[in-house]
Amino acid sequence: RRLFARFPDRMVVVRDLEIEVISEQLANASMQLVAAGRDAAASSPLDIDGDRLYLRLALRVEGGGWRVVRAQWRSEPWN
């Protein structure tokens, strides 16, 4: 959220997405999330700030769609 608020020009990349379907109603997802942004006043296209997070989500079907019911994140991968 911090990166999105600071930079009007941004990009998010999801890597290593793994989805574990537990049932028709429950699933878990884990991924590496890389968010990068560039300030509008930056003088060089290389003036980029970014964050890498490792994210785990618990998902449940509610109202006909998948909803995140729990999220965990950290800066280092889980083993």
Protein backbone atom coordinates (compact mmCIF):
# COMPACT_ATOMS: atom_id res chain seq x y z
CA ARG A 1 0.00 0.00 0.00
CA ARG A 2 2.90 2.35 0.79
CA LEU A 3 4.35 1.88 -2.70
CA PHE A 4 0.98 2.49 -4.39
CA ALA A 5 0.41 5.70 -2.45
CA ARG A 6 3.85 7.11 -3.26
CA PHE A 7 4.10 6.41 -6.97
CA PRO A 8 1.57 7.18 -9.70
CA ASP A 9 3.49 4.98 -12.18
CA ARG A 10 3.67 1.41 -10.80
CA MET A 11 3.80 -2.25 -11.71
CA VAL A 12 3.06 -5.44 -9.77
CA VAL A 13 4.46 -8.83 -10.79
CA VAL A 14 3.27 -12.12 -9.30
CA ARG A 15 5.82 -14.94 -9.45
CA ASP A 16 5.87 -18.55 -8.31
CA LEU A 17 2.10 -18.71 -7.79
CA GLU A 18 0.99 -21.96 -6.16
CA ILE A 19 -2.65 -22.76 -5.45
CA GLU A 20 -3.72 -25.62 -3.22
CA VAL A 21 -7.40 -26.47 -3.60
CA ILE A 22 -8.66 -27.96 -0.34
CA SER A 23 -12.31 -28.31 -1.32
CA GLU A 24 -14.86 -26.65 -3.61
CA GLN A 25 -15.14 -23.90 -0.97
CA LEU A 26 -11.56 -23.54 0.36
CA ALA A 27 -8.10 -22.96 -1.11
CA ASN A 28 -4.67 -21.64 -0.16
CA ALA A 29 -2.40 -19.60 -2.41
CA SER A 30 1.25 -18.61 -2.02
CA MET A 31 3.28 -16.34 -4.25
CA GLN A 32 6.14 -13.91 -4.55
CA LEU A 33 4.88 -10.38 -5.15
CA VAL A 34 7.18 -7.73 -6.62
CA ALA A 35 5.88 -4.17 -6.67
CA ALA A 36 7.87 -1.42 -8.37
CA GLY A 37 7.13 2.25 -8.90
CA ARG A 38 8.61 5.40 -10.34
CA ASP A 39 7.92 8.92 -9.13
CA ALA A 40 6.33 11.17 -11.78
CA ALA A 41 9.12 13.72 -11.22
CA ALA A 42 11.91 11.15 -11.67
CA SER A 43 14.63 12.33 -14.04
CA SER A 44 15.66 8.85 -15.17
CA PRO A 45 13.68 5.72 -16.06
CA LEU A 46 16.05 3.92 -13.70
CA ASP A 47 14.76 5.86 -10.66
CA ILE A 48 12.69 2.92 -9.45
CA ASP A 49 11.75 1.90 -5.93
CA GLY A 50 10.44 -1.55 -5.21
CA ASP A 51 9.42 -4.10 -2.66
CA ARG A 52 9.46 -7.89 -2.74
CA LEU A 53 7.04 -9.75 -0.51
CA TYR A 54 6.19 -13.38 -0.01
CA LEU A 55 2.46 -13.73 0.38
CA ARG A 56 0.18 -16.51 1.63
CA LEU A 57 -3.59 -16.29 1.26
CA ALA A 58 -6.43 -18.38 2.67
CA LEU A 59 -9.41 -18.23 0.30
CA ARG A 60 -13.06 -19.15 0.70
CA VAL A 61 -16.02 -19.00 -1.66
CA GLU A 62 -18.50 -16.36 -0.52
CA GLY A 63 -21.32 -14.80 -2.52
CA GLY A 64 -20.38 -16.73 -5.64
CA GLY A 65 -16.71 -15.63 -5.72
CA TRP A 66 -13.41 -16.32 -4.02
CA ARG A 67 -12.62 -14.06 -1.05
CA VAL A 68 -9.42 -13.64 0.93
CA VAL A 69 -10.15 -14.61 4.54
CA ARG A 70 -6.56 -14.48 5.84
CA ALA A 71 -3.32 -13.02 4.51
CA GLN A 72 0.25 -13.37 5.73
CA TRP A 73 3.29 -11.68 4.24
CA ARG A 74 6.96 -11.33 4.96
CA SER A 75 10.13 -10.12 3.30
CA GLU A 76 11.85 -13.53 3.34
CA PRO A 77 10.58 -16.76 1.73
CA TRP A 78 8.93 -19.42 3.82
CA ASN A 79 10.90 -22.66 3.96
